[in-house]
Amino acid sequence: MPARKELSRFQRDVIEDALTEDAATPWAVIARRIDVHPTTVMREVTRHHGRAGYSPAAAQHEAEASRARPRGSVLGELSEQRAAVIVGLTAKQSPAAIAADLRAAGGETVCAETVYQALYRGCLPMKPRECLRTRRPRRRGRQARHPNRRAGLPNIDDRPAPVNDRAAPGHFELDLVIGKNNQSGVLTAIERRTRYGAIITLPDGYRAEAVLAAMYELFDQIPLHLLGSVTFDQGSEWADWSCLVEHYGLAVWFCDPHSPWQRGGIENYNGHVRYWFPRGTNLASVTPTEADRVATFLNTQRRRSLGWASAEQHWLAAGGVPLAAPAARPTRDLVVIGARP
């Protein structure tokens, strides 16, 4: 579709001349004189005081004043906000957290979208892939996904409303972040209500037995009143899920095949974790200290979903304790019980 052309001052003068000759001149007659559609003439005259009061000079002035003009970014000029945003991005903070810090400090603020736009427009001295956890060079829309369903496992559709609505803490989502050549990984976990997360290293790989040991490490640290349920995808690494039911009394749910978006919390968390451990990293070499450092950074960052408080604040208020990646594997007899998915 061709771009819409604005009426020129000459065309507006022709409209005035036609209306001066006869105020009842049909729109089609005037439109033929200036080679536009009759509706264009009708809208132009109606917008600028009608047939009796039309003035080409006033119409031209109003059109120029209201014409859309390209606007520079708020962060494109030197300012305290620009300096604070650059410092925050350099420190690996998310745009939303930077905006929250500016609001908490008082004074002039910017929203997270302003930071994103400034980055993608090139108004800041860094590239999006250098400071955003998605590492995308340009923005993209959401892709449509079409889940299907497989019988035989506790399905996420049957998860009760209090769990879906995040009404109470104690309900977790678990996943793996996979390393170089699919040979290594780390276990990630997030509590749905508080958004408190943990990263557990997997130095022995991510077969079902190793993942079960890591899950024991995680859930052994959590108070009993916060052991409610856990939601997985349908990967084979969760094959020993029934051990959790037996040992901790957890309710277990599985999302549909190829539908990781049904566990949006852990998918979002994994995106943040990928910033520190990008694709191609050998995750078998990640130490518990490194894993805890990343988890602590994420847990202490302000979050919009938590009213700009941190996940750690909400987790501790719910009676939780700081979670860590143990430096040594517990000596536990891993007895596999129940069916595998």
C-alpha atoms as a PDB file:
ATOM      1  CA  MET A   1       0.000   0.000   0.000  1.00  0.00           C
ATOM      2  CA  PRO A   2       1.496   3.372  -0.991  1.00  0.00           C
ATOM      3  CA  ALA A   3       2.178   5.919   1.717  1.00  0.00           C
ATOM      4  CA  ARG A   4      -0.552   8.470   2.336  1.00  0.00           C
ATOM      5  CA  LYS A   5       0.278  11.896   0.911  1.00  0.00           C
ATOM      6  CA  GLU A   6      -0.467  15.070   2.802  1.00  0.00           C
ATOM      7  CA  LEU A   7      -2.397  17.841   1.094  1.00  0.00           C
ATOM      8  CA  SER A   8      -0.184  20.703  -0.068  1.00  0.00           C
ATOM      9  CA  ARG A   9      -0.814  24.396   0.528  1.00  0.00           C
ATOM     10  CA  PHE A  10      -1.695  24.773  -3.174  1.00  0.00           C
ATOM     11  CA  GLN A  11      -4.363  22.056  -2.912  1.00  0.00           C
ATOM     12  CA  ARG A  12      -5.811  23.728   0.165  1.00  0.00           C
ATOM     13  CA  ASP A  13      -5.969  27.037  -1.719  1.00  0.00           C
ATOM     14  CA  VAL A  14      -7.914  25.314  -4.516  1.00  0.00           C
ATOM     15  CA  ILE A  15     -10.374  23.960  -1.932  1.00  0.00           C
ATOM     16  CA  GLU A  16     -10.867  27.459  -0.537  1.00  0.00           C
ATOM     17  CA  ASP A  17     -11.425  28.921  -4.030  1.00  0.00           C
ATOM     18  CA  ALA A  18     -14.063  26.286  -4.822  1.00  0.00           C
ATOM     19  CA  LEU A  19     -15.917  26.921  -1.559  1.00  0.00           C
ATOM     20  CA  THR A  20     -15.716  30.679  -2.094  1.00  0.00           C
ATOM     21  CA  GLU A  21     -17.329  30.316  -5.507  1.00  0.00           C
ATOM     22  CA  ASP A  22     -20.086  28.097  -4.113  1.00  0.00           C
ATOM     23  CA  ALA A  23     -20.172  26.855  -0.542  1.00  0.00           C
ATOM     24  CA  ALA A  24     -22.283  23.889  -1.696  1.00  0.00           C
ATOM     25  CA  THR A  25     -19.771  22.672  -4.313  1.00  0.00           C
ATOM     26  CA  PRO A  26     -19.822  18.837  -4.232  1.00  0.00           C
ATOM     27  CA  TRP A  27     -16.798  17.103  -2.737  1.00  0.00           C
ATOM     28  CA  ALA A  28     -16.322  15.104  -5.953  1.00  0.00           C
ATOM     29  CA  VAL A  29     -15.995  18.277  -8.047  1.00  0.00           C
ATOM     30  CA  ILE A  30     -13.322  19.706  -5.736  1.00  0.00           C
ATOM     31  CA  ALA A  31     -11.556  16.340  -5.554  1.00  0.00           C
ATOM     32  CA  ARG A  32     -11.203  16.167  -9.360  1.00  0.00           C
ATOM     33  CA  ARG A  33      -9.542  19.584  -9.381  1.00  0.00           C
ATOM     34  CA  ILE A  34      -6.788  18.536  -6.963  1.00  0.00           C
ATOM     35  CA  ASP A  35      -6.638  14.827  -7.951  1.00  0.00           C
ATOM     36  CA  VAL A  36      -7.587  13.239  -4.626  1.00  0.00           C
ATOM     37  CA  HIS A  37     -10.458  11.092  -3.358  1.00  0.00           C
ATOM     38  CA  PRO A  38     -13.686  12.972  -2.474  1.00  0.00           C
ATOM     39  CA  THR A  39     -13.522  11.587   1.057  1.00  0.00           C
ATOM     40  CA  THR A  40     -10.141  13.283   1.491  1.00  0.00           C
ATOM     41  CA  VAL A  41     -11.682  16.654   0.686  1.00  0.00           C
ATOM     42  CA  MET A  42     -14.661  16.037   2.958  1.00  0.00           C
ATOM     43  CA  ARG A  43     -12.460  15.114   5.898  1.00  0.00           C
ATOM     44  CA  GLU A  44     -10.108  18.029   5.301  1.00  0.00           C
ATOM     45  CA  VAL A  45     -12.913  20.608   5.304  1.00  0.00           C
ATOM     46  CA  THR A  46     -14.811  19.027   8.182  1.00  0.00           C
ATOM     47  CA  ARG A  47     -11.636  18.836  10.273  1.00  0.00           C
ATOM     48  CA  HIS A  48     -10.914  22.536   9.762  1.00  0.00           C
ATOM     49  CA  HIS A  49     -14.165  24.338  10.650  1.00  0.00           C
ATOM     50  CA  GLY A  50     -16.421  23.215   7.798  1.00  0.00           C
ATOM     51  CA  ARG A  51     -17.485  24.783   4.503  1.00  0.00           C
ATOM     52  CA  ALA A  52     -18.211  28.216   5.978  1.00  0.00           C
ATOM     53  CA  GLY A  53     -15.058  28.618   8.039  1.00  0.00           C
ATOM     54  CA  TYR A  54     -12.406  26.801   6.037  1.00  0.00           C
ATOM     55  CA  SER A  55      -9.036  28.616   5.900  1.00  0.00           C
ATOM     56  CA  PRO A  56      -6.115  27.091   3.952  1.00  0.00           C
ATOM     57  CA  ALA A  57      -3.518  28.942   6.029  1.00  0.00           C
ATOM     58  CA  ALA A  58      -4.978  27.744   9.330  1.00  0.00           C
ATOM     59  CA  ALA A  59      -5.425  24.208   7.945  1.00  0.00           C
ATOM     60  CA  GLN A  60      -1.796  24.097   6.777  1.00  0.00           C
ATOM     61  CA  HIS A  61      -0.547  25.332  10.164  1.00  0.00           C
ATOM     62  CA  GLU A  62      -2.581  22.741  12.103  1.00  0.00           C
ATOM     63  CA  ALA A  63      -1.442  19.951   9.789  1.00  0.00           C
ATOM     64  CA  GLU A  64       2.219  20.850  10.243  1.00  0.00           C
ATOM     65  CA  ALA A  65       1.850  21.153  14.016  1.00  0.00           C
ATOM     66  CA  SER A  66       0.191  17.743  14.347  1.00  0.00           C
ATOM     67  CA  ARG A  67       2.412  15.892  11.863  1.00  0.00           C
ATOM     68  CA  ALA A  68       4.217  12.922  13.414  1.00  0.00           C
ATOM     69  CA  ARG A  69       7.896  13.657  13.877  1.00  0.00           C
ATOM     70  CA  PRO A  70      10.694  11.232  14.775  1.00  0.00           C
ATOM     71  CA  ARG A  71      11.531  11.506  18.456  1.00  0.00           C
ATOM     72  CA  GLY A  72      14.882  10.845  19.993  1.00  0.00           C
ATOM     73  CA  SER A  73      15.282   8.469  22.893  1.00  0.00           C
ATOM     74  CA  VAL A  74      15.069   9.884  26.403  1.00  0.00           C
ATOM     75  CA  LEU A  75      18.324   8.051  27.076  1.00  0.00           C
ATOM     76  CA  GLY A  76      20.008   9.359  23.950  1.00  0.00           C
ATOM     77  CA  GLU A  77      21.175  12.525  25.707  1.00  0.00           C
ATOM     78  CA  LEU A  78      23.535  12.899  28.630  1.00  0.00           C
ATOM     79  CA  SER A  79      21.598  12.742  31.875  1.00  0.00           C
ATOM     80  CA  GLU A  80      21.642  11.156  35.322  1.00  0.00           C
ATOM     81  CA  GLN A  81      19.145   8.547  34.141  1.00  0.00           C
ATOM     82  CA  ARG A  82      21.345   7.587  31.191  1.00  0.00           C
ATOM     83  CA  ALA A  83      24.361   7.205  33.464  1.00  0.00           C
ATOM     84  CA  ALA A  84      22.377   5.081  35.939  1.00  0.00           C
ATOM     85  CA  VAL A  85      21.049   2.856  33.146  1.00  0.00           C
ATOM     86  CA  ILE A  86      24.526   2.298  31.728  1.00  0.00           C
ATOM     87  CA  VAL A  87      25.857   1.401  35.186  1.00  0.00           C
ATOM     88  CA  GLY A  88      22.961  -1.019  35.747  1.00  0.00           C
ATOM     89  CA  LEU A  89      23.359  -2.723  32.373  1.00  0.00           C
ATOM     90  CA  THR A  90      27.103  -3.011  32.898  1.00  0.00           C
ATOM     91  CA  ALA A  91      26.372  -4.715  36.243  1.00  0.00           C
ATOM     92  CA  LYS A  92      24.141  -7.203  34.375  1.00  0.00           C
ATOM     93  CA  GLN A  93      20.870  -5.913  35.834  1.00  0.00           C
ATOM     94  CA  SER A  94      17.685  -6.313  33.812  1.00  0.00           C
ATOM     95  CA  PRO A  95      15.977  -3.174  32.412  1.00  0.00           C
ATOM     96  CA  ALA A  96      12.994  -3.768  34.718  1.00  0.00           C
ATOM     97  CA  ALA A  97      15.254  -3.915  37.773  1.00  0.00           C
ATOM     98  CA  ILE A  98      17.094  -0.757  36.687  1.00  0.00           C
ATOM     99  CA  ALA A  99      13.785   1.088  36.360  1.00  0.00           C
ATOM    100  CA  ALA A 100      12.778  -0.121  39.827  1.00  0.00           C
ATOM    101  CA  ASP A 101      16.055   1.120  41.319  1.00  0.00           C
ATOM    102  CA  LEU A 102      15.529   4.542  39.763  1.00  0.00           C
ATOM    103  CA  ARG A 103      12.034   4.757  41.203  1.00  0.00           C
ATOM    104  CA  ALA A 104      13.259   3.690  44.623  1.00  0.00           C
ATOM    105  CA  ALA A 105      15.962   6.370  44.524  1.00  0.00           C
ATOM    106  CA  GLY A 106      13.430   9.103  43.713  1.00  0.00           C
ATOM    107  CA  GLY A 107      13.843  11.829  41.139  1.00  0.00           C
ATOM    108  CA  GLU A 108      13.540  11.346  37.386  1.00  0.00           C
ATOM    109  CA  THR A 109      12.826   7.805  36.254  1.00  0.00           C
ATOM    110  CA  VAL A 110      12.507   5.793  33.066  1.00  0.00           C
ATOM    111  CA  CYS A 111      10.485   2.658  32.418  1.00  0.00           C
ATOM    112  CA  ALA A 112      11.918  -0.675  31.334  1.00  0.00           C
ATOM    113  CA  GLU A 113      10.525  -0.300  27.809  1.00  0.00           C
ATOM    114  CA  THR A 114      12.497   2.944  27.409  1.00  0.00           C
ATOM    115  CA  VAL A 115      15.685   1.058  28.256  1.00  0.00           C
ATOM    116  CA  TYR A 116      14.868  -1.705  25.768  1.00  0.00           C
ATOM    117  CA  GLN A 117      14.099   0.799  23.010  1.00  0.00           C
ATOM    118  CA  ALA A 118      17.280   2.758  23.676  1.00  0.00           C
ATOM    119  CA  LEU A 119      19.324  -0.433  23.452  1.00  0.00           C
ATOM    120  CA  TYR A 120      17.754  -1.666  20.237  1.00  0.00           C
ATOM    121  CA  ARG A 121      17.938   1.792  18.637  1.00  0.00           C
ATOM    122  CA  GLY A 122      21.643   2.024  19.389  1.00  0.00           C
ATOM    123  CA  CYS A 123      21.318   5.005  21.743  1.00  0.00           C
ATOM    124  CA  LEU A 124      23.478   3.397  24.444  1.00  0.00           C
ATOM    125  CA  PRO A 125      27.178   2.469  24.262  1.00  0.00           C
ATOM    126  CA  MET A 126      26.523  -1.288  24.326  1.00  0.00           C
ATOM    127  CA  LYS A 127      24.747  -3.862  22.200  1.00  0.00           C
ATOM    128  CA  PRO A 128      21.683  -5.839  23.328  1.00  0.00           C
ATOM    129  CA  ARG A 129      23.516  -9.154  23.155  1.00  0.00           C
ATOM    130  CA  GLU A 130      26.181  -7.765  25.490  1.00  0.00           C
ATOM    131  CA  CYS A 131      23.855  -6.862  28.346  1.00  0.00           C
ATOM    132  CA  LEU A 132      20.446  -8.513  27.876  1.00  0.00           C
ATOM    133  CA  ARG A 133      20.034 -12.041  29.126  1.00  0.00           C
ATOM    134  CA  THR A 134      18.270 -13.197  25.986  1.00  0.00           C
ATOM    135  CA  ARG A 135      21.345 -12.135  23.944  1.00  0.00           C
ATOM    136  CA  ARG A 136      19.062 -11.407  20.981  1.00  0.00           C
ATOM    137  CA  PRO A 137      20.414  -8.825  18.527  1.00  0.00           C
ATOM    138  CA  ARG A 138      16.876  -7.685  17.700  1.00  0.00           C
ATOM    139  CA  ARG A 139      13.428  -7.957  19.212  1.00  0.00           C
ATOM    140  CA  ARG A 140      11.013 -10.672  18.216  1.00  0.00           C
ATOM    141  CA  GLY A 141       7.357 -11.524  18.810  1.00  0.00           C
ATOM    142  CA  ARG A 142       5.944 -14.512  20.577  1.00  0.00           C
ATOM    143  CA  GLN A 143       5.555 -17.679  18.533  1.00  0.00           C
ATOM    144  CA  ALA A 144       2.304 -19.589  18.508  1.00  0.00           C
ATOM    145  CA  ARG A 145       2.540 -22.988  20.130  1.00  0.00           C
ATOM    146  CA  HIS A 146       0.158 -25.899  19.780  1.00  0.00           C
ATOM    147  CA  PRO A 147       0.319 -28.317  22.702  1.00  0.00           C
ATOM    148  CA  ASN A 148      -0.869 -31.881  22.465  1.00  0.00           C
ATOM    149  CA  ARG A 149      -1.582 -34.246  25.324  1.00  0.00           C
ATOM    150  CA  ARG A 150      -0.303 -37.638  26.384  1.00  0.00           C
ATOM    151  CA  ALA A 151      -2.089 -39.816  28.904  1.00  0.00           C
ATOM    152  CA  GLY A 152      -0.430 -41.698  31.738  1.00  0.00           C
ATOM    153  CA  LEU A 153       1.130 -38.876  33.771  1.00  0.00           C
ATOM    154  CA  PRO A 154      -0.355 -36.357  36.222  1.00  0.00           C
ATOM    155  CA  ASN A 155      -1.192 -33.595  33.769  1.00  0.00           C
ATOM    156  CA  ILE A 156      -0.814 -29.905  34.435  1.00  0.00           C
ATOM    157  CA  ASP A 157      -4.437 -29.370  33.409  1.00  0.00           C
ATOM    158  CA  ASP A 158      -5.432 -31.199  36.597  1.00  0.00           C
ATOM    159  CA  ARG A 159      -3.333 -28.971  38.822  1.00  0.00           C
ATOM    160  CA  PRO A 160      -5.641 -27.387  41.426  1.00  0.00           C
ATOM    161  CA  ALA A 161      -6.541 -23.716  41.352  1.00  0.00           C
ATOM    162  CA  PRO A 162      -4.533 -22.720  44.480  1.00  0.00           C
ATOM    163  CA  VAL A 163      -1.385 -23.926  42.712  1.00  0.00           C
ATOM    164  CA  ASN A 164      -2.239 -22.291  39.379  1.00  0.00           C
ATOM    165  CA  ASP A 165      -3.151 -19.013  41.069  1.00  0.00           C
ATOM    166  CA  ARG A 166       0.030 -18.874  43.178  1.00  0.00           C
ATOM    167  CA  ALA A 167      -2.189 -18.517  46.227  1.00  0.00           C
ATOM    168  CA  ALA A 168       0.368 -20.015  48.613  1.00  0.00           C
ATOM    169  CA  PRO A 169       4.112 -20.723  48.553  1.00  0.00           C
ATOM    170  CA  GLY A 170       5.594 -24.198  48.346  1.00  0.00           C
ATOM    171  CA  HIS A 171       4.939 -25.077  44.710  1.00  0.00           C
ATOM    172  CA  PHE A 172       7.983 -25.462  42.479  1.00  0.00           C
ATOM    173  CA  GLU A 173       8.865 -25.716  38.805  1.00  0.00           C
ATOM    174  CA  LEU A 174      12.041 -27.597  37.821  1.00  0.00           C
ATOM    175  CA  ASP A 175      14.029 -27.792  34.621  1.00  0.00           C
ATOM    176  CA  LEU A 176      17.519 -28.340  33.233  1.00  0.00           C
ATOM    177  CA  VAL A 177      19.850 -25.922  31.499  1.00  0.00           C
ATOM    178  CA  ILE A 178      21.917 -27.983  29.064  1.00  0.00           C
ATOM    179  CA  GLY A 179      25.559 -27.293  28.253  1.00  0.00           C
ATOM    180  CA  LYS A 180      27.962 -27.828  25.360  1.00  0.00           C
ATOM    181  CA  ASN A 181      27.136 -30.674  22.976  1.00  0.00           C
ATOM    182  CA  ASN A 182      24.344 -31.808  25.302  1.00  0.00           C
ATOM    183  CA  GLN A 183      26.975 -33.379  27.552  1.00  0.00           C
ATOM    184  CA  SER A 184      26.435 -31.370  30.750  1.00  0.00           C
ATOM    185  CA  GLY A 185      23.783 -29.423  32.588  1.00  0.00           C
ATOM    186  CA  VAL A 186      22.587 -27.778  35.789  1.00  0.00           C
ATOM    187  CA  LEU A 187      19.298 -28.218  37.609  1.00  0.00           C
ATOM    188  CA  THR A 188      17.233 -25.061  37.995  1.00  0.00           C
ATOM    189  CA  ALA A 189      14.264 -24.597  40.299  1.00  0.00           C
ATOM    190  CA  ILE A 190      11.900 -21.745  41.085  1.00  0.00           C
ATOM    191  CA  GLU A 191       9.130 -21.383  43.649  1.00  0.00           C
ATOM    192  CA  ARG A 192       6.010 -20.170  41.879  1.00  0.00           C
ATOM    193  CA  ARG A 193       4.696 -17.613  44.359  1.00  0.00           C
ATOM    194  CA  THR A 194       7.902 -16.020  45.661  1.00  0.00           C
ATOM    195  CA  ARG A 195       9.919 -16.528  42.416  1.00  0.00           C
ATOM    196  CA  TYR A 196      12.808 -17.677  44.574  1.00  0.00           C
ATOM    197  CA  GLY A 197      15.206 -19.754  42.497  1.00  0.00           C
ATOM    198  CA  ALA A 198      18.065 -22.190  42.964  1.00  0.00           C
ATOM    199  CA  ILE A 199      20.753 -23.650  40.719  1.00  0.00           C
ATOM    200  CA  ILE A 200      22.125 -27.104  41.564  1.00  0.00           C
ATOM    201  CA  THR A 201      25.227 -28.330  39.760  1.00  0.00           C
ATOM    202  CA  LEU A 202      25.300 -31.704  37.984  1.00  0.00           C
ATOM    203  CA  PRO A 203      28.971 -32.706  37.730  1.00  0.00           C
ATOM    204  CA  ASP A 204      28.021 -36.303  36.921  1.00  0.00           C
ATOM    205  CA  GLY A 205      25.737 -35.481  34.007  1.00  0.00           C
ATOM    206  CA  TYR A 206      21.974 -35.255  33.819  1.00  0.00           C
ATOM    207  CA  ARG A 207      20.798 -38.835  33.628  1.00  0.00           C
ATOM    208  CA  ALA A 208      17.771 -39.617  35.775  1.00  0.00           C
ATOM    209  CA  GLU A 209      19.831 -40.926  38.705  1.00  0.00           C
ATOM    210  CA  ALA A 210      22.048 -37.831  38.850  1.00  0.00           C
ATOM    211  CA  VAL A 211      19.054 -35.516  38.563  1.00  0.00           C
ATOM    212  CA  LEU A 212      17.281 -37.364  41.369  1.00  0.00           C
ATOM    213  CA  ALA A 213      20.338 -36.873  43.608  1.00  0.00           C
ATOM    214  CA  ALA A 214      20.311 -33.155  42.808  1.00  0.00           C
ATOM    215  CA  MET A 215      16.604 -32.943  43.608  1.00  0.00           C
ATOM    216  CA  TYR A 216      17.270 -34.580  46.973  1.00  0.00           C
ATOM    217  CA  GLU A 217      19.931 -31.928  47.602  1.00  0.00           C
ATOM    218  CA  LEU A 218      17.413 -29.230  46.811  1.00  0.00           C
ATOM    219  CA  PHE A 219      14.361 -30.484  48.691  1.00  0.00           C
ATOM    220  CA  ASP A 220      16.365 -31.522  51.762  1.00  0.00           C
ATOM    221  CA  GLN A 221      17.035 -27.821  52.362  1.00  0.00           C
ATOM    222  CA  ILE A 222      13.400 -26.728  52.154  1.00  0.00           C
ATOM    223  CA  PRO A 223      11.196 -26.599  55.286  1.00  0.00           C
ATOM    224  CA  LEU A 224       8.400 -29.156  55.332  1.00  0.00           C
ATOM    225  CA  HIS A 225       5.619 -26.560  55.209  1.00  0.00           C
ATOM    226  CA  LEU A 226       6.997 -25.360  51.849  1.00  0.00           C
ATOM    227  CA  LEU A 227       7.011 -28.788  50.195  1.00  0.00           C
ATOM    228  CA  GLY A 228       3.774 -28.722  48.247  1.00  0.00           C
ATOM    229  CA  SER A 229       4.190 -29.711  44.617  1.00  0.00           C
ATOM    230  CA  VAL A 230       6.560 -29.706  41.673  1.00  0.00           C
ATOM    231  CA  THR A 231       5.879 -29.320  37.962  1.00  0.00           C
ATOM    232  CA  PHE A 232       8.097 -30.853  35.254  1.00  0.00           C
ATOM    233  CA  ASP A 233       8.222 -31.052  31.500  1.00  0.00           C
ATOM    234  CA  GLN A 234       8.235 -34.546  29.970  1.00  0.00           C
ATOM    235  CA  GLY A 235      11.966 -35.083  29.685  1.00  0.00           C
ATOM    236  CA  SER A 236      13.412 -38.478  30.565  1.00  0.00           C
ATOM    237  CA  GLU A 237      15.582 -36.870  33.258  1.00  0.00           C
ATOM    238  CA  TRP A 238      12.523 -36.849  35.539  1.00  0.00           C
ATOM    239  CA  ALA A 239      12.053 -40.610  35.195  1.00  0.00           C
ATOM    240  CA  ASP A 240      12.418 -41.179  38.947  1.00  0.00           C
ATOM    241  CA  TRP A 241       9.803 -38.612  39.905  1.00  0.00           C
ATOM    242  CA  SER A 242       7.887 -41.133  41.986  1.00  0.00           C
ATOM    243  CA  CYS A 243      10.781 -41.114  44.485  1.00  0.00           C
ATOM    244  CA  LEU A 244       9.879 -37.535  45.338  1.00  0.00           C
ATOM    245  CA  VAL A 245       6.287 -38.518  45.964  1.00  0.00           C
ATOM    246  CA  GLU A 246       7.409 -41.338  48.239  1.00  0.00           C
ATOM    247  CA  HIS A 247      10.107 -39.441  50.117  1.00  0.00           C
ATOM    248  CA  TYR A 248       8.615 -35.951  50.474  1.00  0.00           C
ATOM    249  CA  GLY A 249       4.914 -36.401  49.785  1.00  0.00           C
ATOM    250  CA  LEU A 250       5.085 -33.899  46.941  1.00  0.00           C
ATOM    251  CA  ALA A 251       2.327 -33.645  44.366  1.00  0.00           C
ATOM    252  CA  VAL A 252       3.821 -33.942  40.873  1.00  0.00           C
ATOM    253  CA  TRP A 253       2.500 -32.500  37.616  1.00  0.00           C
ATOM    254  CA  PHE A 254       3.732 -32.721  34.021  1.00  0.00           C
ATOM    255  CA  CYS A 255       3.075 -30.190  31.295  1.00  0.00           C
ATOM    256  CA  ASP A 256       2.051 -31.274  27.792  1.00  0.00           C
ATOM    257  CA  PRO A 257       4.728 -32.500  25.355  1.00  0.00           C
ATOM    258  CA  HIS A 258       6.572 -29.700  23.567  1.00  0.00           C
ATOM    259  CA  SER A 259       4.825 -27.094  25.734  1.00  0.00           C
ATOM    260  CA  PRO A 260       7.475 -25.629  28.066  1.00  0.00           C
ATOM    261  CA  TRP A 261       5.563 -22.336  28.137  1.00  0.00           C
ATOM    262  CA  GLN A 262       3.102 -24.017  30.520  1.00  0.00           C
ATOM    263  CA  ARG A 263       5.838 -23.610  33.137  1.00  0.00           C
ATOM    264  CA  GLY A 264       6.457 -19.967  32.404  1.00  0.00           C
ATOM    265  CA  GLY A 265       8.236 -19.232  35.674  1.00  0.00           C
ATOM    266  CA  ILE A 266      11.109 -21.658  35.169  1.00  0.00           C
ATOM    267  CA  GLU A 267      11.407 -20.810  31.473  1.00  0.00           C
ATOM    268  CA  ASN A 268      11.837 -17.159  32.404  1.00  0.00           C
ATOM    269  CA  TYR A 269      14.362 -18.089  35.082  1.00  0.00           C
ATOM    270  CA  ASN A 270      16.343 -20.223  32.644  1.00  0.00           C
ATOM    271  CA  GLY A 271      16.551 -17.275  30.297  1.00  0.00           C
ATOM    272  CA  HIS A 272      18.245 -15.287  33.045  1.00  0.00           C
ATOM    273  CA  VAL A 273      20.570 -18.173  33.907  1.00  0.00           C
ATOM    274  CA  ARG A 274      21.608 -18.451  30.258  1.00  0.00           C
ATOM    275  CA  TYR A 275      23.083 -14.967  30.471  1.00  0.00           C
ATOM    276  CA  TRP A 276      25.805 -16.279  32.780  1.00  0.00           C
ATOM    277  CA  PHE A 277      25.997 -19.747  31.275  1.00  0.00           C
ATOM    278  CA  PRO A 278      25.418 -19.228  27.528  1.00  0.00           C
ATOM    279  CA  ARG A 279      24.979 -22.026  25.029  1.00  0.00           C
ATOM    280  CA  GLY A 280      28.227 -23.813  24.379  1.00  0.00           C
ATOM    281  CA  THR A 281      29.361 -23.616  28.012  1.00  0.00           C
ATOM    282  CA  ASN A 282      30.646 -26.783  29.645  1.00  0.00           C
ATOM    283  CA  LEU A 283      28.330 -26.788  32.662  1.00  0.00           C
ATOM    284  CA  ALA A 284      30.082 -29.773  34.248  1.00  0.00           C
ATOM    285  CA  SER A 285      32.825 -27.347  35.274  1.00  0.00           C
ATOM    286  CA  VAL A 286      30.451 -24.947  37.031  1.00  0.00           C
ATOM    287  CA  THR A 287      31.207 -24.981  40.743  1.00  0.00           C
ATOM    288  CA  PRO A 288      28.582 -24.714  43.503  1.00  0.00           C
ATOM    289  CA  THR A 289      30.081 -21.320  44.396  1.00  0.00           C
ATOM    290  CA  GLU A 290      29.515 -20.028  40.855  1.00  0.00           C
ATOM    291  CA  ALA A 291      25.980 -21.425  40.784  1.00  0.00           C
ATOM    292  CA  ASP A 292      25.166 -19.798  44.132  1.00  0.00           C
ATOM    293  CA  ARG A 293      26.572 -16.469  42.988  1.00  0.00           C
ATOM    294  CA  VAL A 294      24.242 -16.352  39.980  1.00  0.00           C
ATOM    295  CA  ALA A 295      21.222 -17.567  41.986  1.00  0.00           C
ATOM    296  CA  THR A 296      21.890 -14.976  44.706  1.00  0.00           C
ATOM    297  CA  PHE A 297      22.097 -12.183  42.140  1.00  0.00           C
ATOM    298  CA  LEU A 298      18.745 -13.179  40.650  1.00  0.00           C
ATOM    299  CA  ASN A 299      17.089 -13.698  44.042  1.00  0.00           C
ATOM    300  CA  THR A 300      18.133 -10.283  45.364  1.00  0.00           C
ATOM    301  CA  GLN A 301      17.122  -8.325  42.258  1.00  0.00           C
ATOM    302  CA  ARG A 302      13.922  -6.278  42.349  1.00  0.00           C
ATOM    303  CA  ARG A 303      11.090  -7.775  40.296  1.00  0.00           C
ATOM    304  CA  ARG A 304       7.995  -6.216  38.812  1.00  0.00           C
ATOM    305  CA  SER A 305       5.914  -9.335  39.533  1.00  0.00           C
ATOM    306  CA  LEU A 306       6.731  -8.952  43.246  1.00  0.00           C
ATOM    307  CA  GLY A 307       5.836  -5.286  43.543  1.00  0.00           C
ATOM    308  CA  TRP A 308       9.491  -4.366  42.967  1.00  0.00           C
ATOM    309  CA  ALA A 309      10.632  -6.334  45.998  1.00  0.00           C
ATOM    310  CA  SER A 310      13.117  -9.194  45.670  1.00  0.00           C
ATOM    311  CA  ALA A 311      12.381 -12.915  45.531  1.00  0.00           C
ATOM    312  CA  GLU A 312      14.595 -13.440  48.558  1.00  0.00           C
ATOM    313  CA  GLN A 313      12.483 -11.072  50.640  1.00  0.00           C
ATOM    314  CA  HIS A 314       9.295 -12.968  49.773  1.00  0.00           C
ATOM    315  CA  TRP A 315      10.924 -16.374  50.265  1.00  0.00           C
ATOM    316  CA  LEU A 316      12.249 -15.525  53.727  1.00  0.00           C
ATOM    317  CA  ALA A 317       8.906 -13.954  54.687  1.00  0.00           C
ATOM    318  CA  ALA A 318       7.216 -17.252  53.757  1.00  0.00           C
ATOM    319  CA  GLY A 319       9.488 -19.115  56.183  1.00  0.00           C
ATOM    320  CA  GLY A 320      12.050 -20.323  53.665  1.00  0.00           C
ATOM    321  CA  VAL A 321      15.793 -20.558  54.180  1.00  0.00           C
ATOM    322  CA  PRO A 322      18.562 -19.606  51.735  1.00  0.00           C
ATOM    323  CA  LEU A 323      19.145 -22.465  49.307  1.00  0.00           C
ATOM    324  CA  ALA A 324      22.603 -23.437  48.106  1.00  0.00           C
ATOM    325  CA  ALA A 325      24.287 -25.901  45.793  1.00  0.00           C
ATOM    326  CA  PRO A 326      26.053 -28.336  48.178  1.00  0.00           C
ATOM    327  CA  ALA A 327      29.780 -28.734  47.606  1.00  0.00           C
ATOM    328  CA  ALA A 328      29.606 -32.518  47.971  1.00  0.00           C
ATOM    329  CA  ARG A 329      27.098 -35.148  46.928  1.00  0.00           C
ATOM    330  CA  PRO A 330      25.206 -36.782  49.828  1.00  0.00           C
ATOM    331  CA  THR A 331      25.757 -40.509  50.208  1.00  0.00           C
ATOM    332  CA  ARG A 332      22.193 -41.659  49.657  1.00  0.00           C
ATOM    333  CA  ASP A 333      20.929 -44.978  48.430  1.00  0.00           C
ATOM    334  CA  LEU A 334      18.937 -43.963  45.366  1.00  0.00           C
ATOM    335  CA  VAL A 335      16.216 -46.561  45.227  1.00  0.00           C
ATOM    336  CA  VAL A 336      14.089 -46.032  42.134  1.00  0.00           C
ATOM    337  CA  ILE A 337      10.470 -46.780  42.759  1.00  0.00           C
ATOM    338  CA  GLY A 338       7.359 -46.420  40.671  1.00  0.00           C
ATOM    339  CA  ALA A 339       6.887 -46.158  36.943  1.00  0.00           C
ATOM    340  CA  ARG A 340       9.012 -44.062  34.663  1.00  0.00           C
ATOM    341  CA  PRO A 341       7.317 -41.569  32.353  1.00  0.00           C
END
